[in-house]
């Protein structure tokens, strides 16, 4: 298993890149590379993705719906269970503003890649 610092760094990069991925293809590609080839995602809207291709398609839809995002987040590690509380403000493709609060739950492989991401919106 990757060490705690590697996993926490991956989460930090995920959120920082998410603020740019709607309009920057390099940030988008870097986010996809944070995930293991067999990764699983369950979104806060019950959307799911399994495997790198579906993860990529999931994020294409997600970032395609949003013109601009800004995240603030805090991560806790308790016995290799990673939980990140976050808030996001954004501008959707139709120019409406939104804000959300929620939690992400992560599991990692030995290389520090995300193998499981579950999003819970409050």
PDB file of N, CA and C in Angstrom:
ATOM      1  N   UNK A   1       0.840  -1.183   0.000  1.00  0.00           N
ATOM      2  CA  UNK A   1       0.000   0.000   0.000  1.00  0.00           C
ATOM      3  C   UNK A   1       0.887   1.248   0.000  1.00  0.00           C
ATOM      4  N   UNK A   2       0.509   2.241  -0.782  1.00  0.00           N
ATOM      5  CA  UNK A   2       1.251   3.495  -0.813  1.00  0.00           C
ATOM      6  C   UNK A   2       1.172   4.155   0.563  1.00  0.00           C
ATOM      7  N   UNK A   3       2.159   4.995   0.850  1.00  0.00           N
ATOM      8  CA  UNK A   3       2.154   5.622   2.167  1.00  0.00           C
ATOM      9  C   UNK A   3       1.107   6.734   2.251  1.00  0.00           C
ATOM     10  N   UNK A   4       0.848   7.148   3.464  1.00  0.00           N
ATOM     11  CA  UNK A   4      -0.193   8.135   3.736  1.00  0.00           C
ATOM     12  C   UNK A   4       0.077   9.430   2.981  1.00  0.00           C
ATOM     13  N   UNK A   5       1.336   9.894   2.975  1.00  0.00           N
ATOM     14  CA  UNK A   5       1.650  11.150   2.292  1.00  0.00           C
ATOM     15  C   UNK A   5       1.356  11.079   0.794  1.00  0.00           C
ATOM     16  N   UNK A   6       1.663   9.938   0.175  1.00  0.00           N
ATOM     17  CA  UNK A   6       1.373   9.768  -1.253  1.00  0.00           C
ATOM     18  C   UNK A   6      -0.125   9.841  -1.503  1.00  0.00           C
ATOM     19  N   UNK A   7      -0.904   9.151  -0.701  1.00  0.00           N
ATOM     20  CA  UNK A   7      -2.357   9.148  -0.874  1.00  0.00           C
ATOM     21  C   UNK A   7      -2.960  10.530  -0.618  1.00  0.00           C
ATOM     22  N   UNK A   8      -2.496  11.211   0.409  1.00  0.00           N
ATOM     23  CA  UNK A   8      -2.991  12.553   0.685  1.00  0.00           C
ATOM     24  C   UNK A   8      -2.609  13.518  -0.440  1.00  0.00           C
ATOM     25  N   UNK A   9      -1.428  13.356  -1.002  1.00  0.00           N
ATOM     26  CA  UNK A   9      -1.002  14.183  -2.126  1.00  0.00           C
ATOM     27  C   UNK A   9      -1.893  13.943  -3.350  1.00  0.00           C
ATOM     28  N   UNK A  10      -2.266  12.685  -3.581  1.00  0.00           N
ATOM     29  CA  UNK A  10      -3.150  12.365  -4.698  1.00  0.00           C
ATOM     30  C   UNK A  10      -4.493  13.065  -4.527  1.00  0.00           C
ATOM     31  N   UNK A  11      -5.054  13.039  -3.324  1.00  0.00           N
ATOM     32  CA  UNK A  11      -6.330  13.713  -3.070  1.00  0.00           C
ATOM     33  C   UNK A  11      -6.188  15.218  -3.286  1.00  0.00           C
ATOM     34  N   UNK A  12      -5.120  15.785  -2.791  1.00  0.00           N
ATOM     35  CA  UNK A  12      -4.897  17.224  -2.962  1.00  0.00           C
ATOM     36  C   UNK A  12      -4.792  17.583  -4.448  1.00  0.00           C
ATOM     37  N   UNK A  13      -4.057  16.793  -5.218  1.00  0.00           N
ATOM     38  CA  UNK A  13      -3.933  17.049  -6.658  1.00  0.00           C
ATOM     39  C   UNK A  13      -5.282  16.905  -7.353  1.00  0.00           C
ATOM     40  N   UNK A  14      -6.068  15.923  -6.954  1.00  0.00           N
ATOM     41  CA  UNK A  14      -7.395  15.711  -7.525  1.00  0.00           C
ATOM     42  C   UNK A  14      -8.256  16.971  -7.401  1.00  0.00           C
ATOM     43  N   UNK A  15      -8.295  17.551  -6.213  1.00  0.00           N
ATOM     44  CA  UNK A  15      -9.127  18.739  -6.010  1.00  0.00           C
ATOM     45  C   UNK A  15      -8.562  19.963  -6.723  1.00  0.00           C
ATOM     46  N   UNK A  16      -7.260  20.148  -6.671  1.00  0.00           N
ATOM     47  CA  UNK A  16      -6.661  21.307  -7.341  1.00  0.00           C
ATOM     48  C   UNK A  16      -6.855  21.227  -8.850  1.00  0.00           C
ATOM     49  N   UNK A  17      -6.666  20.048  -9.423  1.00  0.00           N
ATOM     50  CA  UNK A  17      -6.868  19.877 -10.863  1.00  0.00           C
ATOM     51  C   UNK A  17      -8.337  20.043 -11.248  1.00  0.00           C
ATOM     52  N   UNK A  18      -9.242  19.653 -10.351  1.00  0.00           N
ATOM     53  CA  UNK A  18     -10.674  19.770 -10.625  1.00  0.00           C
ATOM     54  C   UNK A  18     -11.104  21.216 -10.846  1.00  0.00           C
ATOM     55  N   UNK A  19     -10.377  22.147 -10.257  1.00  0.00           N
ATOM     56  CA  UNK A  19     -10.717  23.556 -10.440  1.00  0.00           C
ATOM     57  C   UNK A  19     -10.386  24.056 -11.847  1.00  0.00           C
ATOM     58  N   UNK A  20      -9.592  23.309 -12.604  1.00  0.00           N
ATOM     59  CA  UNK A  20      -9.180  23.746 -13.937  1.00  0.00           C
ATOM     60  C   UNK A  20      -9.621  22.821 -15.067  1.00  0.00           C
ATOM     61  N   UNK A  21     -10.037  21.611 -14.732  1.00  0.00           N
ATOM     62  CA  UNK A  21     -10.275  20.574 -15.751  1.00  0.00           C
ATOM     63  C   UNK A  21     -11.425  20.887 -16.703  1.00  0.00           C
ATOM     64  N   UNK A  22     -12.326  21.776 -16.334  1.00  0.00           N
ATOM     65  CA  UNK A  22     -13.426  22.133 -17.231  1.00  0.00           C
ATOM     66  C   UNK A  22     -12.933  22.867 -18.474  1.00  0.00           C
ATOM     67  N   UNK A  23     -11.805  23.556 -18.347  1.00  0.00           N
ATOM     68  CA  UNK A  23     -11.310  24.354 -19.474  1.00  0.00           C
ATOM     69  C   UNK A  23      -9.855  24.079 -19.819  1.00  0.00           C
ATOM     70  N   UNK A  24      -9.251  23.071 -19.201  1.00  0.00           N
ATOM     71  CA  UNK A  24      -7.841  22.770 -19.453  1.00  0.00           C
ATOM     72  C   UNK A  24      -7.654  21.263 -19.635  1.00  0.00           C
ATOM     73  N   UNK A  25      -7.367  20.840 -20.854  1.00  0.00           N
ATOM     74  CA  UNK A  25      -7.261  19.408 -21.173  1.00  0.00           C
ATOM     75  C   UNK A  25      -6.114  18.730 -20.414  1.00  0.00           C
ATOM     76  N   UNK A  26      -5.038  19.451 -20.142  1.00  0.00           N
ATOM     77  CA  UNK A  26      -3.929  18.850 -19.393  1.00  0.00           C
ATOM     78  C   UNK A  26      -4.355  18.513 -17.964  1.00  0.00           C
ATOM     79  N   UNK A  27      -5.107  19.410 -17.325  1.00  0.00           N
ATOM     80  CA  UNK A  27      -5.613  19.129 -15.978  1.00  0.00           C
ATOM     81  C   UNK A  27      -6.580  17.952 -16.010  1.00  0.00           C
ATOM     82  N   UNK A  28      -7.441  17.914 -17.031  1.00  0.00           N
ATOM     83  CA  UNK A  28      -8.360  16.791 -17.190  1.00  0.00           C
ATOM     84  C   UNK A  28      -7.590  15.472 -17.290  1.00  0.00           C
ATOM     85  N   UNK A  29      -6.594  15.431 -18.170  1.00  0.00           N
ATOM     86  CA  UNK A  29      -5.807  14.198 -18.357  1.00  0.00           C
ATOM     87  C   UNK A  29      -5.062  13.804 -17.089  1.00  0.00           C
ATOM     88  N   UNK A  30      -4.569  14.786 -16.340  1.00  0.00           N
ATOM     89  CA  UNK A  30      -3.880  14.477 -15.087  1.00  0.00           C
ATOM     90  C   UNK A  30      -4.836  13.852 -14.072  1.00  0.00           C
ATOM     91  N   UNK A  31      -6.078  14.333 -14.036  1.00  0.00           N
ATOM     92  CA  UNK A  31      -7.065  13.733 -13.127  1.00  0.00           C
ATOM     93  C   UNK A  31      -7.278  12.272 -13.490  1.00  0.00           C
ATOM     94  N   UNK A  32      -7.465  11.977 -14.754  1.00  0.00           N
ATOM     95  CA  UNK A  32      -7.684  10.589 -15.189  1.00  0.00           C
ATOM     96  C   UNK A  32      -6.499   9.723 -14.784  1.00  0.00           C
ATOM     97  N   UNK A  33      -5.292  10.261 -14.875  1.00  0.00           N
ATOM     98  CA  UNK A  33      -4.092   9.496 -14.516  1.00  0.00           C
ATOM     99  C   UNK A  33      -3.947   9.261 -13.018  1.00  0.00           C
ATOM    100  N   UNK A  34      -4.751   9.920 -12.199  1.00  0.00           N
ATOM    101  CA  UNK A  34      -4.728   9.660 -10.758  1.00  0.00           C
ATOM    102  C   UNK A  34      -5.458   8.367 -10.405  1.00  0.00           C
ATOM    103  N   UNK A  35      -6.210   7.811 -11.377  1.00  0.00           N
ATOM    104  CA  UNK A  35      -7.035   6.635 -11.133  1.00  0.00           C
ATOM    105  C   UNK A  35      -6.375   5.367 -11.662  1.00  0.00           C
ATOM    106  N   UNK A  36      -6.546   4.282 -10.924  1.00  0.00           N
ATOM    107  CA  UNK A  36      -6.114   2.947 -11.330  1.00  0.00           C
ATOM    108  C   UNK A  36      -6.919   2.507 -12.560  1.00  0.00           C
ATOM    109  N   UNK A  37      -6.348   1.620 -13.372  1.00  0.00           N
ATOM    110  CA  UNK A  37      -7.032   1.135 -14.581  1.00  0.00           C
ATOM    111  C   UNK A  37      -8.378   0.479 -14.285  1.00  0.00           C
ATOM    112  N   UNK A  38      -8.543  -0.065 -13.083  1.00  0.00           N
ATOM    113  CA  UNK A  38      -9.793  -0.746 -12.713  1.00  0.00           C
ATOM    114  C   UNK A  38     -10.599   0.040 -11.672  1.00  0.00           C
ATOM    115  N   UNK A  39     -10.402   1.340 -11.639  1.00  0.00           N
ATOM    116  CA  UNK A  39     -11.049   2.179 -10.625  1.00  0.00           C
ATOM    117  C   UNK A  39     -12.567   2.150 -10.734  1.00  0.00           C
ATOM    118  N   UNK A  40     -13.196   2.436  -9.589  1.00  0.00           N
ATOM    119  CA  UNK A  40     -14.651   2.535  -9.507  1.00  0.00           C
ATOM    120  C   UNK A  40     -15.003   3.904  -8.932  1.00  0.00           C
ATOM    121  N   UNK A  41     -16.072   4.490  -9.487  1.00  0.00           N
ATOM    122  CA  UNK A  41     -16.592   5.758  -8.964  1.00  0.00           C
ATOM    123  C   UNK A  41     -18.088   5.607  -8.759  1.00  0.00           C
ATOM    124  N   UNK A  42     -18.562   6.144  -7.646  1.00  0.00           N
ATOM    125  CA  UNK A  42     -19.997   6.304  -7.429  1.00  0.00           C
ATOM    126  C   UNK A  42     -20.203   7.759  -7.047  1.00  0.00           C
ATOM    127  N   UNK A  43     -20.930   8.486  -7.875  1.00  0.00           N
ATOM    128  CA  UNK A  43     -21.108   9.915  -7.639  1.00  0.00           C
ATOM    129  C   UNK A  43     -22.225  10.163  -6.636  1.00  0.00           C
ATOM    130  N   UNK A  44     -22.323  11.406  -6.208  1.00  0.00           N
ATOM    131  CA  UNK A  44     -23.382  11.808  -5.308  1.00  0.00           C
ATOM    132  C   UNK A  44     -24.750  11.829  -5.970  1.00  0.00           C
ATOM    133  N   UNK A  45     -24.783  11.621  -7.290  1.00  0.00           N
ATOM    134  CA  UNK A  45     -26.039  11.559  -8.039  1.00  0.00           C
ATOM    135  C   UNK A  45     -26.311  10.131  -8.519  1.00  0.00           C
ATOM    136  N   UNK A  46     -25.659   9.156  -7.867  1.00  0.00           N
ATOM    137  CA  UNK A  46     -25.783   7.730  -8.177  1.00  0.00           C
ATOM    138  C   UNK A  46     -25.305   7.356  -9.579  1.00  0.00           C
ATOM    139  N   UNK A  47     -24.475   8.176 -10.185  1.00  0.00           N
ATOM    140  CA  UNK A  47     -23.813   7.792 -11.428  1.00  0.00           C
ATOM    141  C   UNK A  47     -22.644   6.898 -11.043  1.00  0.00           C
ATOM    142  N   UNK A  48     -22.343   5.920 -11.894  1.00  0.00           N
ATOM    143  CA  UNK A  48     -21.231   5.024 -11.603  1.00  0.00           C
ATOM    144  C   UNK A  48     -20.315   4.909 -12.816  1.00  0.00           C
ATOM    145  N   UNK A  49     -19.081   4.556 -12.535  1.00  0.00           N
ATOM    146  CA  UNK A  49     -18.094   4.289 -13.583  1.00  0.00           C
ATOM    147  C   UNK A  49     -17.178   3.196 -13.071  1.00  0.00           C
ATOM    148  N   UNK A  50     -16.766   2.313 -13.979  1.00  0.00           N
ATOM    149  CA  UNK A  50     -15.839   1.241 -13.622  1.00  0.00           C
ATOM    150  C   UNK A  50     -14.836   1.089 -14.757  1.00  0.00           C
ATOM    151  N   UNK A  51     -13.571   1.158 -14.416  1.00  0.00           N
ATOM    152  CA  UNK A  51     -12.504   1.054 -15.407  1.00  0.00           C
ATOM    153  C   UNK A  51     -12.125   2.420 -15.958  1.00  0.00           C
ATOM    154  N   UNK A  52     -10.924   2.512 -16.495  1.00  0.00           N
ATOM    155  CA  UNK A  52     -10.354   3.798 -16.921  1.00  0.00           C
ATOM    156  C   UNK A  52     -11.198   4.489 -17.994  1.00  0.00           C
ATOM    157  N   UNK A  53     -11.737   3.735 -18.967  1.00  0.00           N
ATOM    158  CA  UNK A  53     -12.537   4.361 -20.026  1.00  0.00           C
ATOM    159  C   UNK A  53     -13.813   4.979 -19.469  1.00  0.00           C
ATOM    160  N   UNK A  54     -14.503   4.255 -18.594  1.00  0.00           N
ATOM    161  CA  UNK A  54     -15.728   4.797 -18.000  1.00  0.00           C
ATOM    162  C   UNK A  54     -15.422   5.965 -17.060  1.00  0.00           C
ATOM    163  N   UNK A  55     -14.300   5.900 -16.351  1.00  0.00           N
ATOM    164  CA  UNK A  55     -13.889   7.011 -15.490  1.00  0.00           C
ATOM    165  C   UNK A  55     -13.660   8.258 -16.347  1.00  0.00           C
ATOM    166  N   UNK A  56     -12.984   8.086 -17.466  1.00  0.00           N
ATOM    167  CA  UNK A  56     -12.748   9.207 -18.372  1.00  0.00           C
ATOM    168  C   UNK A  56     -14.064   9.776 -18.902  1.00  0.00           C
ATOM    169  N   UNK A  57     -14.975   8.904 -19.323  1.00  0.00           N
ATOM    170  CA  UNK A  57     -16.282   9.352 -19.816  1.00  0.00           C
ATOM    171  C   UNK A  57     -17.073  10.061 -18.719  1.00  0.00           C
ATOM    172  N   UNK A  58     -17.009   9.531 -17.497  1.00  0.00           N
ATOM    173  CA  UNK A  58     -17.690  10.150 -16.360  1.00  0.00           C
ATOM    174  C   UNK A  58     -17.213  11.588 -16.179  1.00  0.00           C
ATOM    175  N   UNK A  59     -15.899  11.788 -16.173  1.00  0.00           N
ATOM    176  CA  UNK A  59     -15.370  13.126 -15.959  1.00  0.00           C
ATOM    177  C   UNK A  59     -15.592  14.038 -17.164  1.00  0.00           C
ATOM    178  N   UNK A  60     -15.628  13.503 -18.372  1.00  0.00           N
ATOM    179  CA  UNK A  60     -15.965  14.331 -19.541  1.00  0.00           C
ATOM    180  C   UNK A  60     -17.352  14.924 -19.378  1.00  0.00           C
ATOM    181  N   UNK A  61     -18.305  14.116 -18.936  1.00  0.00           N
ATOM    182  CA  UNK A  61     -19.659  14.613 -18.697  1.00  0.00           C
ATOM    183  C   UNK A  61     -19.684  15.621 -17.549  1.00  0.00           C
ATOM    184  N   UNK A  62     -19.020  15.265 -16.453  1.00  0.00           N
ATOM    185  CA  UNK A  62     -19.018  16.135 -15.273  1.00  0.00           C
ATOM    186  C   UNK A  62     -18.412  17.498 -15.598  1.00  0.00           C
ATOM    187  N   UNK A  63     -17.207  17.515 -16.134  1.00  0.00           N
ATOM    188  CA  UNK A  63     -16.554  18.790 -16.416  1.00  0.00           C
ATOM    189  C   UNK A  63     -17.210  19.504 -17.594  1.00  0.00           C
ATOM    190  N   UNK A  64     -17.855  18.761 -18.482  1.00  0.00           N
ATOM    191  CA  UNK A  64     -18.583  19.365 -19.588  1.00  0.00           C
ATOM    192  C   UNK A  64     -19.812  20.139 -19.143  1.00  0.00           C
ATOM    193  N   UNK A  65     -20.369  19.763 -17.997  1.00  0.00           N
ATOM    194  CA  UNK A  65     -21.548  20.466 -17.457  1.00  0.00           C
ATOM    195  C   UNK A  65     -21.177  21.754 -16.740  1.00  0.00           C
ATOM    196  N   UNK A  66     -19.904  21.925 -16.443  1.00  0.00           N
ATOM    197  CA  UNK A  66     -19.459  23.041 -15.612  1.00  0.00           C
ATOM    198  C   UNK A  66     -18.400  23.873 -16.326  1.00  0.00           C
ATOM    199  N   UNK A  67     -18.594  25.191 -16.325  1.00  0.00           N
ATOM    200  CA  UNK A  67     -17.617  26.093 -16.921  1.00  0.00           C
ATOM    201  C   UNK A  67     -16.492  26.425 -15.951  1.00  0.00           C
ATOM    202  N   UNK A  68     -16.847  26.527 -14.663  1.00  0.00           N
ATOM    203  CA  UNK A  68     -15.871  26.949 -13.674  1.00  0.00           C
ATOM    204  C   UNK A  68     -16.204  26.323 -12.327  1.00  0.00           C
ATOM    205  N   UNK A  69     -15.173  25.878 -11.600  1.00  0.00           N
ATOM    206  CA  UNK A  69     -15.343  25.282 -10.276  1.00  0.00           C
ATOM    207  C   UNK A  69     -14.279  25.826  -9.329  1.00  0.00           C
ATOM    208  N   UNK A  70     -14.642  25.923  -8.061  1.00  0.00           N
ATOM    209  CA  UNK A  70     -13.677  26.271  -7.018  1.00  0.00           C
ATOM    210  C   UNK A  70     -13.985  25.434  -5.787  1.00  0.00           C
ATOM    211  N   UNK A  71     -13.027  24.583  -5.405  1.00  0.00           N
ATOM    212  CA  UNK A  71     -13.180  23.685  -4.259  1.00  0.00           C
ATOM    213  C   UNK A  71     -12.379  24.175  -3.060  1.00  0.00           C
ATOM    214  N   UNK A  72     -12.929  23.961  -1.889  1.00  0.00           N
ATOM    215  CA  UNK A  72     -12.203  24.061  -0.625  1.00  0.00           C
ATOM    216  C   UNK A  72     -12.428  22.723   0.063  1.00  0.00           C
ATOM    217  N   UNK A  73     -11.364  22.133   0.616  1.00  0.00           N
ATOM    218  CA  UNK A  73     -11.468  20.764   1.130  1.00  0.00           C
ATOM    219  C   UNK A  73     -10.543  20.528   2.305  1.00  0.00           C
ATOM    220  N   UNK A  74     -10.882  19.491   3.070  1.00  0.00           N
ATOM    221  CA  UNK A  74     -10.061  19.059   4.210  1.00  0.00           C
ATOM    222  C   UNK A  74     -10.132  17.538   4.257  1.00  0.00           C
ATOM    223  N   UNK A  75      -8.973  16.879   4.340  1.00  0.00           N
ATOM    224  CA  UNK A  75      -8.913  15.413   4.320  1.00  0.00           C
ATOM    225  C   UNK A  75      -8.465  14.874   5.664  1.00  0.00           C
ATOM    226  N   UNK A  76      -9.086  13.753   6.046  1.00  0.00           N
ATOM    227  CA  UNK A  76      -8.684  13.025   7.252  1.00  0.00           C
ATOM    228  C   UNK A  76      -8.323  11.597   6.855  1.00  0.00           C
ATOM    229  N   UNK A  77      -7.291  11.072   7.489  1.00  0.00           N
ATOM    230  CA  UNK A  77      -6.909   9.670   7.307  1.00  0.00           C
ATOM    231  C   UNK A  77      -7.035   8.974   8.650  1.00  0.00           C
ATOM    232  N   UNK A  78      -7.913   8.005   8.702  1.00  0.00           N
ATOM    233  CA  UNK A  78      -8.079   7.208   9.920  1.00  0.00           C
ATOM    234  C   UNK A  78      -7.905   5.750   9.526  1.00  0.00           C
ATOM    235  N   UNK A  79      -6.755   5.169   9.887  1.00  0.00           N
ATOM    236  CA  UNK A  79      -6.467   3.769   9.563  1.00  0.00           C
ATOM    237  C   UNK A  79      -6.629   3.487   8.071  1.00  0.00           C
ATOM    238  N   UNK A  80      -6.027   4.341   7.242  1.00  0.00           N
ATOM    239  CA  UNK A  80      -6.045   4.197   5.777  1.00  0.00           C
ATOM    240  C   UNK A  80      -7.441   4.310   5.172  1.00  0.00           C
ATOM    241  N   UNK A  81      -8.374   4.895   5.907  1.00  0.00           N
ATOM    242  CA  UNK A  81      -9.682   5.245   5.356  1.00  0.00           C
ATOM    243  C   UNK A  81      -9.669   6.755   5.158  1.00  0.00           C
ATOM    244  N   UNK A  82      -9.642   7.154   3.900  1.00  0.00           N
ATOM    245  CA  UNK A  82      -9.492   8.565   3.571  1.00  0.00           C
ATOM    246  C   UNK A  82     -10.853   9.198   3.325  1.00  0.00           C
ATOM    247  N   UNK A  83     -11.126  10.268   4.070  1.00  0.00           N
ATOM    248  CA  UNK A  83     -12.398  10.979   3.979  1.00  0.00           C
ATOM    249  C   UNK A  83     -12.079  12.459   3.785  1.00  0.00           C
ATOM    250  N   UNK A  84     -12.635  13.021   2.718  1.00  0.00           N
ATOM    251  CA  UNK A  84     -12.423  14.434   2.442  1.00  0.00           C
ATOM    252  C   UNK A  84     -13.756  15.160   2.494  1.00  0.00           C
ATOM    253  N   UNK A  85     -13.837  16.155   3.349  1.00  0.00           N
ATOM    254  CA  UNK A  85     -14.999  17.033   3.365  1.00  0.00           C
ATOM    255  C   UNK A  85     -14.706  18.172   2.403  1.00  0.00           C
ATOM    256  N   UNK A  86     -15.686  18.539   1.606  1.00  0.00           N
ATOM    257  CA  UNK A  86     -15.473  19.576   0.607  1.00  0.00           C
ATOM    258  C   UNK A  86     -16.705  20.458   0.429  1.00  0.00           C
ATOM    259  N   UNK A  87     -16.432  21.642  -0.088  1.00  0.00           N
ATOM    260  CA  UNK A  87     -17.465  22.530  -0.609  1.00  0.00           C
ATOM    261  C   UNK A  87     -16.992  22.967  -1.981  1.00  0.00           C
ATOM    262  N   UNK A  88     -17.955  23.184  -2.869  1.00  0.00           N
ATOM    263  CA  UNK A  88     -17.614  23.656  -4.208  1.00  0.00           C
ATOM    264  C   UNK A  88     -18.610  24.724  -4.618  1.00  0.00           C
ATOM    265  N   UNK A  89     -18.106  25.758  -5.250  1.00  0.00           N
ATOM    266  CA  UNK A  89     -18.941  26.764  -5.901  1.00  0.00           C
ATOM    267  C   UNK A  89     -18.626  26.659  -7.381  1.00  0.00           C
ATOM    268  N   UNK A  90     -19.646  26.819  -8.202  1.00  0.00           N
ATOM    269  CA  UNK A  90     -19.401  26.657  -9.618  1.00  0.00           C
ATOM    270  C   UNK A  90     -20.337  27.440 -10.500  1.00  0.00           C
ATOM    271  N   UNK A  91     -19.958  27.469 -11.770  1.00  0.00           N
ATOM    272  CA  UNK A  91     -20.748  28.076 -12.825  1.00  0.00           C
ATOM    273  C   UNK A  91     -21.035  26.984 -13.842  1.00  0.00           C
ATOM    274  N   UNK A  92     -22.312  26.656 -14.013  1.00  0.00           N
ATOM    275  CA  UNK A  92     -22.711  25.600 -14.949  1.00  0.00           C
ATOM    276  C   UNK A  92     -22.639  26.096 -16.389  1.00  0.00           C
ATOM    277  N   UNK A  93     -22.773  25.163 -17.301  1.00  0.00           N
ATOM    278  CA  UNK A  93     -22.733  25.489 -18.721  1.00  0.00           C
ATOM    279  C   UNK A  93     -23.817  26.458 -19.149  1.00  0.00           C
ATOM    280  N   UNK A  94     -24.942  26.491 -18.439  1.00  0.00           N
ATOM    281  CA  UNK A  94     -26.035  27.414 -18.774  1.00  0.00           C
ATOM    282  C   UNK A  94     -25.916  28.736 -18.017  1.00  0.00           C
ATOM    283  N   UNK A  95     -24.758  28.990 -17.438  1.00  0.00           N
ATOM    284  CA  UNK A  95     -24.430  30.220 -16.713  1.00  0.00           C
ATOM    285  C   UNK A  95     -25.161  30.383 -15.382  1.00  0.00           C
ATOM    286  N   UNK A  96     -25.709  29.298 -14.822  1.00  0.00           N
ATOM    287  CA  UNK A  96     -26.271  29.380 -13.478  1.00  0.00           C
ATOM    288  C   UNK A  96     -25.201  29.038 -12.457  1.00  0.00           C
ATOM    289  N   UNK A  97     -25.287  29.689 -11.321  1.00  0.00           N
ATOM    290  CA  UNK A  97     -24.363  29.442 -10.216  1.00  0.00           C
ATOM    291  C   UNK A  97     -24.899  28.333  -9.329  1.00  0.00           C
ATOM    292  N   UNK A  98     -23.994  27.599  -8.664  1.00  0.00           N
ATOM    293  CA  UNK A  98     -24.403  26.582  -7.704  1.00  0.00           C
ATOM    294  C   UNK A  98     -23.341  26.425  -6.644  1.00  0.00           C
ATOM    295  N   UNK A  99     -23.731  25.805  -5.536  1.00  0.00           N
ATOM    296  CA  UNK A  99     -22.776  25.424  -4.494  1.00  0.00           C
ATOM    297  C   UNK A  99     -23.246  24.107  -3.886  1.00  0.00           C
ATOM    298  N   UNK A 100     -22.290  23.307  -3.476  1.00  0.00           N
ATOM    299  CA  UNK A 100     -22.572  22.001  -2.870  1.00  0.00           C
ATOM    300  C   UNK A 100     -21.607  21.747  -1.722  1.00  0.00           C
ATOM    301  N   UNK A 101     -22.027  20.882  -0.815  1.00  0.00           N
ATOM    302  CA  UNK A 101     -21.201  20.425   0.298  1.00  0.00           C
ATOM    303  C   UNK A 101     -21.296  18.903   0.324  1.00  0.00           C
ATOM    304  N   UNK A 102     -20.173  18.250   0.601  1.00  0.00           N
ATOM    305  CA  UNK A 102     -20.227  16.801   0.676  1.00  0.00           C
ATOM    306  C   UNK A 102     -18.943  16.185   1.177  1.00  0.00           C
ATOM    307  N   UNK A 103     -18.854  14.859   0.966  1.00  0.00           N
ATOM    308  CA  UNK A 103     -17.714  14.072   1.421  1.00  0.00           C
ATOM    309  C   UNK A 103     -17.306  13.099   0.321  1.00  0.00           C
ATOM    310  N   UNK A 104     -16.007  12.910   0.168  1.00  0.00           N
ATOM    311  CA  UNK A 104     -15.464  11.878  -0.711  1.00  0.00           C
ATOM    312  C   UNK A 104     -14.791  10.829   0.169  1.00  0.00           C
ATOM    313  N   UNK A 105     -14.951   9.572  -0.228  1.00  0.00           N
ATOM    314  CA  UNK A 105     -14.314   8.445   0.458  1.00  0.00           C
ATOM    315  C   UNK A 105     -13.440   7.731  -0.559  1.00  0.00           C
ATOM    316  N   UNK A 106     -12.163   7.520  -0.230  1.00  0.00           N
ATOM    317  CA  UNK A 106     -11.186   6.985  -1.163  1.00  0.00           C
ATOM    318  C   UNK A 106     -10.579   5.682  -0.683  1.00  0.00           C
ATOM    319  N   UNK A 107     -10.214   4.848  -1.662  1.00  0.00           N
ATOM    320  CA  UNK A 107      -9.335   3.706  -1.439  1.00  0.00           C
ATOM    321  C   UNK A 107      -8.264   3.764  -2.526  1.00  0.00           C
ATOM    322  N   UNK A 108      -7.047   3.327  -2.181  1.00  0.00           N
ATOM    323  CA  UNK A 108      -5.902   3.443  -3.073  1.00  0.00           C
ATOM    324  C   UNK A 108      -5.247   2.091  -3.326  1.00  0.00           C
ATOM    325  N   UNK A 109      -4.554   1.982  -4.462  1.00  0.00           N
ATOM    326  CA  UNK A 109      -3.748   0.795  -4.725  1.00  0.00           C
ATOM    327  C   UNK A 109      -2.339   1.009  -4.166  1.00  0.00           C
ATOM    328  N   UNK A 110      -1.458   0.047  -4.373  1.00  0.00           N
ATOM    329  CA  UNK A 110      -0.102   0.118  -3.829  1.00  0.00           C
ATOM    330  C   UNK A 110       0.725   1.248  -4.433  1.00  0.00           C
ATOM    331  N   UNK A 111       0.351   1.713  -5.622  1.00  0.00           N
ATOM    332  CA  UNK A 111       1.080   2.787  -6.287  1.00  0.00           C
ATOM    333  C   UNK A 111       0.520   4.169  -5.939  1.00  0.00           C
ATOM    334  N   UNK A 112      -0.517   4.230  -5.100  1.00  0.00           N
ATOM    335  CA  UNK A 112      -1.108   5.501  -4.736  1.00  0.00           C
ATOM    336  C   UNK A 112      -2.153   6.002  -5.722  1.00  0.00           C
ATOM    337  N   UNK A 113      -2.620   5.109  -6.607  1.00  0.00           N
ATOM    338  CA  UNK A 113      -3.689   5.462  -7.549  1.00  0.00           C
ATOM    339  C   UNK A 113      -5.041   5.202  -6.882  1.00  0.00           C
ATOM    340  N   UNK A 114      -6.035   5.993  -7.243  1.00  0.00           N
ATOM    341  CA  UNK A 114      -7.369   5.836  -6.683  1.00  0.00           C
ATOM    342  C   UNK A 114      -8.020   4.600  -7.304  1.00  0.00           C
ATOM    343  N   UNK A 115      -8.467   3.653  -6.468  1.00  0.00           N
ATOM    344  CA  UNK A 115      -9.169   2.474  -6.964  1.00  0.00           C
ATOM    345  C   UNK A 115     -10.660   2.564  -6.677  1.00  0.00           C
ATOM    346  N   UNK A 116     -11.035   3.371  -5.696  1.00  0.00           N
ATOM    347  CA  UNK A 116     -12.448   3.518  -5.368  1.00  0.00           C
ATOM    348  C   UNK A 116     -12.688   4.931  -4.860  1.00  0.00           C
ATOM    349  N   UNK A 117     -13.690   5.587  -5.439  1.00  0.00           N
ATOM    350  CA  UNK A 117     -14.106   6.924  -5.007  1.00  0.00           C
ATOM    351  C   UNK A 117     -15.621   6.924  -4.880  1.00  0.00           C
ATOM    352  N   UNK A 118     -16.072   7.240  -3.678  1.00  0.00           N
ATOM    353  CA  UNK A 118     -17.511   7.369  -3.419  1.00  0.00           C
ATOM    354  C   UNK A 118     -17.761   8.804  -2.976  1.00  0.00           C
ATOM    355  N   UNK A 119     -18.711   9.468  -3.647  1.00  0.00           N
ATOM    356  CA  UNK A 119     -19.055  10.852  -3.361  1.00  0.00           C
ATOM    357  C   UNK A 119     -20.426  10.899  -2.699  1.00  0.00           C
ATOM    358  N   UNK A 120     -20.503  11.603  -1.593  1.00  0.00           N
ATOM    359  CA  UNK A 120     -21.768  11.782  -0.881  1.00  0.00           C
ATOM    360  C   UNK A 120     -22.035  13.277  -0.784  1.00  0.00           C
ATOM    361  N   UNK A 121     -23.148  13.722  -1.356  1.00  0.00           N
ATOM    362  CA  UNK A 121     -23.528  15.131  -1.301  1.00  0.00           C
ATOM    363  C   UNK A 121     -24.500  15.320  -0.166  1.00  0.00           C
ATOM    364  N   UNK A 122     -24.259  16.331   0.648  1.00  0.00           N
ATOM    365  CA  UNK A 122     -25.144  16.617   1.781  1.00  0.00           C
ATOM    366  C   UNK A 122     -26.094  17.737   1.435  1.00  0.00           C
TER     367      UNK A 122
END
